[in-house]
Amino acid sequence: MHTGRHMRRLLLALIFIPIAVSAQSPDRAWVAAYKPTADKLIAASQSSDFAWQRLAELTDTFGNRLSGSETLEKAID
């Protein structure tokens, strides 16, 4: 199943979005080296609605998943 791969892509894109945005600022020129990678990750995450569907499944099926809760354990399983 490709679930893990898609979730990793989405999470990485969310991490790299600030890098892609800040790469346009002249005082953050060092970040520019990461912009091509961030752009690829963002494009990959936007090419499918898989992550949104997975998130909807988790929230619809398990609701709140507080630390140490039974619903968290069920969602993890």
PDB file of N, CA and C in Angstrom:
ATOM      1  N   MET A   1       0.839  -1.181   0.000  1.00  0.00           N
ATOM      2  CA  MET A   1       0.000   0.000   0.000  1.00  0.00           C
ATOM      3  C   MET A   1       0.883   1.243   0.000  1.00  0.00           C
ATOM      4  N   HIS A   2       0.452   2.281  -0.670  1.00  0.00           N
ATOM      5  CA  HIS A   2       1.243   3.500  -0.821  1.00  0.00           C
ATOM      6  C   HIS A   2       0.911   4.551   0.232  1.00  0.00           C
ATOM      7  N   THR A   3       0.164   4.213   1.227  1.00  0.00           N
ATOM      8  CA  THR A   3      -0.276   5.170   2.231  1.00  0.00           C
ATOM      9  C   THR A   3       0.892   5.907   2.855  1.00  0.00           C
ATOM     10  N   GLY A   4       1.885   5.203   3.312  1.00  0.00           N
ATOM     11  CA  GLY A   4       3.027   5.825   3.969  1.00  0.00           C
ATOM     12  C   GLY A   4       3.766   6.782   3.066  1.00  0.00           C
ATOM     13  N   ARG A   5       3.946   6.403   1.816  1.00  0.00           N
ATOM     14  CA  ARG A   5       4.671   7.254   0.876  1.00  0.00           C
ATOM     15  C   ARG A   5       3.938   8.566   0.650  1.00  0.00           C
ATOM     16  N   HIS A   6       2.622   8.498   0.463  1.00  0.00           N
ATOM     17  CA  HIS A   6       1.848   9.713   0.227  1.00  0.00           C
ATOM     18  C   HIS A   6       1.839  10.616   1.457  1.00  0.00           C
ATOM     19  N   MET A   7       1.708  10.032   2.616  1.00  0.00           N
ATOM     20  CA  MET A   7       1.703  10.831   3.843  1.00  0.00           C
ATOM     21  C   MET A   7       3.062  11.484   4.055  1.00  0.00           C
ATOM     22  N   ARG A   8       4.141  10.762   3.762  1.00  0.00           N
ATOM     23  CA  ARG A   8       5.477  11.354   3.893  1.00  0.00           C
ATOM     24  C   ARG A   8       5.627  12.522   2.934  1.00  0.00           C
ATOM     25  N   ARG A   9       5.123  12.369   1.711  1.00  0.00           N
ATOM     26  CA  ARG A   9       5.210  13.468   0.741  1.00  0.00           C
ATOM     27  C   ARG A   9       4.470  14.697   1.243  1.00  0.00           C
ATOM     28  N   LEU A  10       3.277  14.488   1.775  1.00  0.00           N
ATOM     29  CA  LEU A  10       2.499  15.612   2.271  1.00  0.00           C
ATOM     30  C   LEU A  10       3.203  16.272   3.447  1.00  0.00           C
ATOM     31  N   LEU A  11       3.689  15.480   4.377  1.00  0.00           N
ATOM     32  CA  LEU A  11       4.363  16.046   5.532  1.00  0.00           C
ATOM     33  C   LEU A  11       5.629  16.792   5.140  1.00  0.00           C
ATOM     34  N   LEU A  12       6.394  16.231   4.232  1.00  0.00           N
ATOM     35  CA  LEU A  12       7.601  16.917   3.774  1.00  0.00           C
ATOM     36  C   LEU A  12       7.256  18.218   3.067  1.00  0.00           C
ATOM     37  N   ALA A  13       6.200  18.198   2.270  1.00  0.00           N
ATOM     38  CA  ALA A  13       5.789  19.426   1.594  1.00  0.00           C
ATOM     39  C   ALA A  13       5.394  20.484   2.609  1.00  0.00           C
ATOM     40  N   LEU A  14       4.692  20.092   3.636  1.00  0.00           N
ATOM     41  CA  LEU A  14       4.296  21.051   4.662  1.00  0.00           C
ATOM     42  C   LEU A  14       5.506  21.617   5.392  1.00  0.00           C
ATOM     43  N   ILE A  15       6.528  20.800   5.545  1.00  0.00           N
ATOM     44  CA  ILE A  15       7.760  21.274   6.171  1.00  0.00           C
ATOM     45  C   ILE A  15       8.488  22.236   5.253  1.00  0.00           C
ATOM     46  N   PHE A  16       8.511  21.927   3.941  1.00  0.00           N
ATOM     47  CA  PHE A  16       9.290  22.714   3.014  1.00  0.00           C
ATOM     48  C   PHE A  16       8.570  23.947   2.470  1.00  0.00           C
ATOM     49  N   ILE A  17       7.275  24.075   2.689  1.00  0.00           N
ATOM     50  CA  ILE A  17       6.573  25.266   2.193  1.00  0.00           C
ATOM     51  C   ILE A  17       7.216  26.542   2.729  1.00  0.00           C
ATOM     52  N   PRO A  18       7.491  26.625   4.044  1.00  0.00           N
ATOM     53  CA  PRO A  18       8.156  27.852   4.526  1.00  0.00           C
ATOM     54  C   PRO A  18       9.513  28.078   3.876  1.00  0.00           C
ATOM     55  N   ILE A  19      10.216  26.997   3.574  1.00  0.00           N
ATOM     56  CA  ILE A  19      11.516  27.144   2.915  1.00  0.00           C
ATOM     57  C   ILE A  19      11.329  27.707   1.517  1.00  0.00           C
ATOM     58  N   ALA A  20      10.336  27.189   0.788  1.00  0.00           N
ATOM     59  CA  ALA A  20      10.091  27.672  -0.569  1.00  0.00           C
ATOM     60  C   ALA A  20       9.690  29.127  -0.563  1.00  0.00           C
ATOM     61  N   VAL A  21       8.886  29.526   0.382  1.00  0.00           N
ATOM     62  CA  VAL A  21       8.447  30.917   0.461  1.00  0.00           C
ATOM     63  C   VAL A  21       9.590  31.820   0.879  1.00  0.00           C
ATOM     64  N   SER A  22      10.342  31.405   1.906  1.00  0.00           N
ATOM     65  CA  SER A  22      11.414  32.258   2.406  1.00  0.00           C
ATOM     66  C   SER A  22      12.605  32.320   1.448  1.00  0.00           C
ATOM     67  N   ALA A  23      12.682  31.402   0.496  1.00  0.00           N
ATOM     68  CA  ALA A  23      13.783  31.432  -0.465  1.00  0.00           C
ATOM     69  C   ALA A  23      13.719  32.679  -1.331  1.00  0.00           C
ATOM     70  N   GLN A  24      12.564  33.319  -1.388  1.00  0.00           N
ATOM     71  CA  GLN A  24      12.414  34.522  -2.193  1.00  0.00           C
ATOM     72  C   GLN A  24      12.965  35.756  -1.473  1.00  0.00           C
ATOM     73  N   SER A  25      13.223  35.656  -0.193  1.00  0.00           N
ATOM     74  CA  SER A  25      13.739  36.764   0.594  1.00  0.00           C
ATOM     75  C   SER A  25      15.260  36.829   0.442  1.00  0.00           C
ATOM     76  N   PRO A  26      15.817  38.028   0.125  1.00  0.00           N
ATOM     77  CA  PRO A  26      17.263  38.131  -0.104  1.00  0.00           C
ATOM     78  C   PRO A  26      18.100  37.810   1.127  1.00  0.00           C
ATOM     79  N   ASP A  27      17.589  38.036   2.322  1.00  0.00           N
ATOM     80  CA  ASP A  27      18.368  37.754   3.519  1.00  0.00           C
ATOM     81  C   ASP A  27      18.392  36.271   3.866  1.00  0.00           C
ATOM     82  N   ARG A  28      17.701  35.473   3.094  1.00  0.00           N
ATOM     83  CA  ARG A  28      17.681  34.026   3.318  1.00  0.00           C
ATOM     84  C   ARG A  28      18.161  33.291   2.066  1.00  0.00           C
ATOM     85  N   ALA A  29      19.183  33.792   1.460  1.00  0.00           N
ATOM     86  CA  ALA A  29      19.686  33.221   0.214  1.00  0.00           C
ATOM     87  C   ALA A  29      20.114  31.768   0.376  1.00  0.00           C
ATOM     88  N   TRP A  30      20.557  31.382   1.562  1.00  0.00           N
ATOM     89  CA  TRP A  30      21.000  30.004   1.791  1.00  0.00           C
ATOM     90  C   TRP A  30      19.870  29.009   1.564  1.00  0.00           C
ATOM     91  N   VAL A  31      18.641  29.452   1.721  1.00  0.00           N
ATOM     92  CA  VAL A  31      17.487  28.577   1.572  1.00  0.00           C
ATOM     93  C   VAL A  31      17.228  28.269   0.100  1.00  0.00           C
ATOM     94  N   ALA A  32      17.675  29.126  -0.786  1.00  0.00           N
ATOM     95  CA  ALA A  32      17.405  28.978  -2.214  1.00  0.00           C
ATOM     96  C   ALA A  32      17.867  27.615  -2.747  1.00  0.00           C
ATOM     97  N   ALA A  33      18.894  27.059  -2.162  1.00  0.00           N
ATOM     98  CA  ALA A  33      19.388  25.750  -2.609  1.00  0.00           C
ATOM     99  C   ALA A  33      18.349  24.651  -2.408  1.00  0.00           C
ATOM    100  N   TYR A  34      17.450  24.837  -1.461  1.00  0.00           N
ATOM    101  CA  TYR A  34      16.425  23.832  -1.162  1.00  0.00           C
ATOM    102  C   TYR A  34      15.139  24.027  -1.962  1.00  0.00           C
ATOM    103  N   LYS A  35      15.016  25.161  -2.648  1.00  0.00           N
ATOM    104  CA  LYS A  35      13.770  25.474  -3.344  1.00  0.00           C
ATOM    105  C   LYS A  35      13.381  24.439  -4.401  1.00  0.00           C
ATOM    106  N   PRO A  36      14.283  23.952  -5.263  1.00  0.00           N
ATOM    107  CA  PRO A  36      13.870  22.933  -6.242  1.00  0.00           C
ATOM    108  C   PRO A  36      13.299  21.668  -5.589  1.00  0.00           C
ATOM    109  N   THR A  37      13.929  21.223  -4.513  1.00  0.00           N
ATOM    110  CA  THR A  37      13.426  20.041  -3.813  1.00  0.00           C
ATOM    111  C   THR A  37      12.073  20.325  -3.187  1.00  0.00           C
ATOM    112  N   ALA A  38      11.942  21.485  -2.558  1.00  0.00           N
ATOM    113  CA  ALA A  38      10.667  21.861  -1.942  1.00  0.00           C
ATOM    114  C   ALA A  38       9.575  21.965  -3.004  1.00  0.00           C
ATOM    115  N   ASP A  39       9.896  22.539  -4.145  1.00  0.00           N
ATOM    116  CA  ASP A  39       8.911  22.648  -5.229  1.00  0.00           C
ATOM    117  C   ASP A  39       8.439  21.276  -5.702  1.00  0.00           C
ATOM    118  N   LYS A  40       9.371  20.325  -5.811  1.00  0.00           N
ATOM    119  CA  LYS A  40       9.001  18.961  -6.220  1.00  0.00           C
ATOM    120  C   LYS A  40       8.088  18.298  -5.188  1.00  0.00           C
ATOM    121  N   LEU A  41       8.420  18.476  -3.911  1.00  0.00           N
ATOM    122  CA  LEU A  41       7.607  17.892  -2.852  1.00  0.00           C
ATOM    123  C   LEU A  41       6.208  18.503  -2.821  1.00  0.00           C
ATOM    124  N   ILE A  42       6.138  19.799  -2.989  1.00  0.00           N
ATOM    125  CA  ILE A  42       4.842  20.476  -3.000  1.00  0.00           C
ATOM    126  C   ILE A  42       4.016  19.997  -4.185  1.00  0.00           C
ATOM    127  N   ALA A  43       4.627  19.917  -5.362  1.00  0.00           N
ATOM    128  CA  ALA A  43       3.904  19.461  -6.553  1.00  0.00           C
ATOM    129  C   ALA A  43       3.395  18.031  -6.370  1.00  0.00           C
ATOM    130  N   ALA A  44       4.226  17.171  -5.798  1.00  0.00           N
ATOM    131  CA  ALA A  44       3.815  15.785  -5.574  1.00  0.00           C
ATOM    132  C   ALA A  44       2.642  15.710  -4.601  1.00  0.00           C
ATOM    133  N   SER A  45       2.673  16.549  -3.573  1.00  0.00           N
ATOM    134  CA  SER A  45       1.591  16.511  -2.587  1.00  0.00           C
ATOM    135  C   SER A  45       0.287  17.060  -3.150  1.00  0.00           C
ATOM    136  N   GLN A  46       0.382  17.925  -4.148  1.00  0.00           N
ATOM    137  CA  GLN A  46      -0.812  18.526  -4.737  1.00  0.00           C
ATOM    138  C   GLN A  46      -1.343  17.745  -5.935  1.00  0.00           C
ATOM    139  N   SER A  47      -0.663  16.702  -6.339  1.00  0.00           N
ATOM    140  CA  SER A  47      -1.070  15.953  -7.526  1.00  0.00           C
ATOM    141  C   SER A  47      -2.207  14.975  -7.247  1.00  0.00           C
ATOM    142  N   SER A  48      -2.549  14.805  -5.977  1.00  0.00           N
ATOM    143  CA  SER A  48      -3.583  13.839  -5.604  1.00  0.00           C
ATOM    144  C   SER A  48      -4.278  14.320  -4.337  1.00  0.00           C
ATOM    145  N   ASP A  49      -5.517  13.884  -4.156  1.00  0.00           N
ATOM    146  CA  ASP A  49      -6.227  14.235  -2.928  1.00  0.00           C
ATOM    147  C   ASP A  49      -6.155  13.085  -1.913  1.00  0.00           C
ATOM    148  N   PHE A  50      -5.220  12.187  -2.110  1.00  0.00           N
ATOM    149  CA  PHE A  50      -5.095  11.025  -1.234  1.00  0.00           C
ATOM    150  C   PHE A  50      -4.958  11.425   0.227  1.00  0.00           C
ATOM    151  N   ALA A  51      -4.081  12.378   0.524  1.00  0.00           N
ATOM    152  CA  ALA A  51      -3.842  12.768   1.917  1.00  0.00           C
ATOM    153  C   ALA A  51      -5.105  13.349   2.541  1.00  0.00           C
ATOM    154  N   TRP A  52      -5.837  14.142   1.781  1.00  0.00           N
ATOM    155  CA  TRP A  52      -7.091  14.706   2.302  1.00  0.00           C
ATOM    156  C   TRP A  52      -8.100  13.599   2.575  1.00  0.00           C
ATOM    157  N   GLN A  53      -8.180  12.615   1.685  1.00  0.00           N
ATOM    158  CA  GLN A  53      -9.102  11.502   1.886  1.00  0.00           C
ATOM    159  C   GLN A  53      -8.707  10.698   3.122  1.00  0.00           C
ATOM    160  N   ARG A  54      -7.429  10.499   3.305  1.00  0.00           N
ATOM    161  CA  ARG A  54      -6.940   9.750   4.472  1.00  0.00           C
ATOM    162  C   ARG A  54      -7.245  10.517   5.755  1.00  0.00           C
ATOM    163  N   LEU A  55      -7.027  11.832   5.729  1.00  0.00           N
ATOM    164  CA  LEU A  55      -7.333  12.661   6.890  1.00  0.00           C
ATOM    165  C   LEU A  55      -8.828  12.613   7.203  1.00  0.00           C
ATOM    166  N   ALA A  56      -9.663  12.694   6.174  1.00  0.00           N
ATOM    167  CA  ALA A  56     -11.109  12.614   6.370  1.00  0.00           C
ATOM    168  C   ALA A  56     -11.499  11.275   6.981  1.00  0.00           C
ATOM    169  N   GLU A  57     -10.869  10.207   6.518  1.00  0.00           N
ATOM    170  CA  GLU A  57     -11.155   8.876   7.070  1.00  0.00           C
ATOM    171  C   GLU A  57     -10.802   8.817   8.557  1.00  0.00           C
ATOM    172  N   LEU A  58      -9.635   9.331   8.913  1.00  0.00           N
ATOM    173  CA  LEU A  58      -9.218   9.317  10.319  1.00  0.00           C
ATOM    174  C   LEU A  58     -10.153  10.138  11.196  1.00  0.00           C
ATOM    175  N   THR A  59     -10.499  11.342  10.744  1.00  0.00           N
ATOM    176  CA  THR A  59     -11.340  12.189  11.577  1.00  0.00           C
ATOM    177  C   THR A  59     -12.770  11.673  11.636  1.00  0.00           C
ATOM    178  N   ASP A  60     -13.290  11.150  10.532  1.00  0.00           N
ATOM    179  CA  ASP A  60     -14.661  10.622  10.527  1.00  0.00           C
ATOM    180  C   ASP A  60     -14.772   9.324  11.321  1.00  0.00           C
ATOM    181  N   THR A  61     -13.739   8.511  11.259  1.00  0.00           N
ATOM    182  CA  THR A  61     -13.782   7.210  11.916  1.00  0.00           C
ATOM    183  C   THR A  61     -13.442   7.296  13.402  1.00  0.00           C
ATOM    184  N   PHE A  62     -12.435   8.080  13.758  1.00  0.00           N
ATOM    185  CA  PHE A  62     -11.925   8.078  15.127  1.00  0.00           C
ATOM    186  C   PHE A  62     -12.158   9.372  15.890  1.00  0.00           C
ATOM    187  N   GLY A  63     -12.484  10.461  15.209  1.00  0.00           N
ATOM    188  CA  GLY A  63     -12.712  11.725  15.913  1.00  0.00           C
ATOM    189  C   GLY A  63     -11.451  12.230  16.572  1.00  0.00           C
ATOM    190  N   ASN A  64     -11.624  12.854  17.746  1.00  0.00           N
ATOM    191  CA  ASN A  64     -10.476  13.389  18.482  1.00  0.00           C
ATOM    192  C   ASN A  64      -9.543  12.263  18.891  1.00  0.00           C
ATOM    193  N   ARG A  65      -8.251  12.537  18.792  1.00  0.00           N
ATOM    194  CA  ARG A  65      -7.255  11.534  19.141  1.00  0.00           C
ATOM    195  C   ARG A  65      -6.262  12.146  20.121  1.00  0.00           C
ATOM    196  N   LEU A  66      -6.711  12.351  21.338  1.00  0.00           N
ATOM    197  CA  LEU A  66      -5.862  12.963  22.355  1.00  0.00           C
ATOM    198  C   LEU A  66      -4.780  11.987  22.811  1.00  0.00           C
ATOM    199  N   SER A  67      -3.680  12.533  23.256  1.00  0.00           N
ATOM    200  CA  SER A  67      -2.567  11.724  23.736  1.00  0.00           C
ATOM    201  C   SER A  67      -3.031  10.763  24.823  1.00  0.00           C
ATOM    202  N   GLY A  68      -2.710   9.489  24.650  1.00  0.00           N
ATOM    203  CA  GLY A  68      -3.060   8.477  25.628  1.00  0.00           C
ATOM    204  C   GLY A  68      -4.492   7.974  25.552  1.00  0.00           C
ATOM    205  N   SER A  69      -5.260   8.473  24.588  1.00  0.00           N
ATOM    206  CA  SER A  69      -6.667   8.081  24.513  1.00  0.00           C
ATOM    207  C   SER A  69      -6.849   6.776  23.748  1.00  0.00           C
ATOM    208  N   GLU A  70      -7.993   6.147  23.976  1.00  0.00           N
ATOM    209  CA  GLU A  70      -8.324   4.914  23.273  1.00  0.00           C
ATOM    210  C   GLU A  70      -8.482   5.173  21.767  1.00  0.00           C
ATOM    211  N   THR A  71      -9.056   6.330  21.418  1.00  0.00           N
ATOM    212  CA  THR A  71      -9.234   6.636  19.996  1.00  0.00           C
ATOM    213  C   THR A  71      -7.892   6.829  19.293  1.00  0.00           C
ATOM    214  N   LEU A  72      -6.913   7.346  19.996  1.00  0.00           N
ATOM    215  CA  LEU A  72      -5.569   7.464  19.421  1.00  0.00           C
ATOM    216  C   LEU A  72      -5.003   6.083  19.138  1.00  0.00           C
ATOM    217  N   GLU A  73      -5.117   5.199  20.073  1.00  0.00           N
ATOM    218  CA  GLU A  73      -4.605   3.827  19.892  1.00  0.00           C
ATOM    219  C   GLU A  73      -5.307   3.132  18.714  1.00  0.00           C
ATOM    220  N   LYS A  74      -6.623   3.316  18.596  1.00  0.00           N
ATOM    221  CA  LYS A  74      -7.364   2.726  17.482  1.00  0.00           C
ATOM    222  C   LYS A  74      -6.904   3.308  16.145  1.00  0.00           C
ATOM    223  N   ALA A  75      -6.681   4.616  16.116  1.00  0.00           N
ATOM    224  CA  ALA A  75      -6.237   5.261  14.877  1.00  0.00           C
ATOM    225  C   ALA A  75      -4.852   4.763  14.484  1.00  0.00           C
ATOM    226  N   ILE A  76      -3.987   4.584  15.442  1.00  0.00           N
ATOM    227  CA  ILE A  76      -2.634   4.097  15.162  1.00  0.00           C
ATOM    228  C   ILE A  76      -2.684   2.662  14.632  1.00  0.00           C
ATOM    229  N   ASP A  77      -3.529   1.838  15.258  1.00  0.00           N
ATOM    230  CA  ASP A  77      -3.668   0.452  14.817  1.00  0.00           C
ATOM    231  C   ASP A  77      -4.224   0.408  13.408  1.00  0.00           C
TER     232      ASP A  77
END
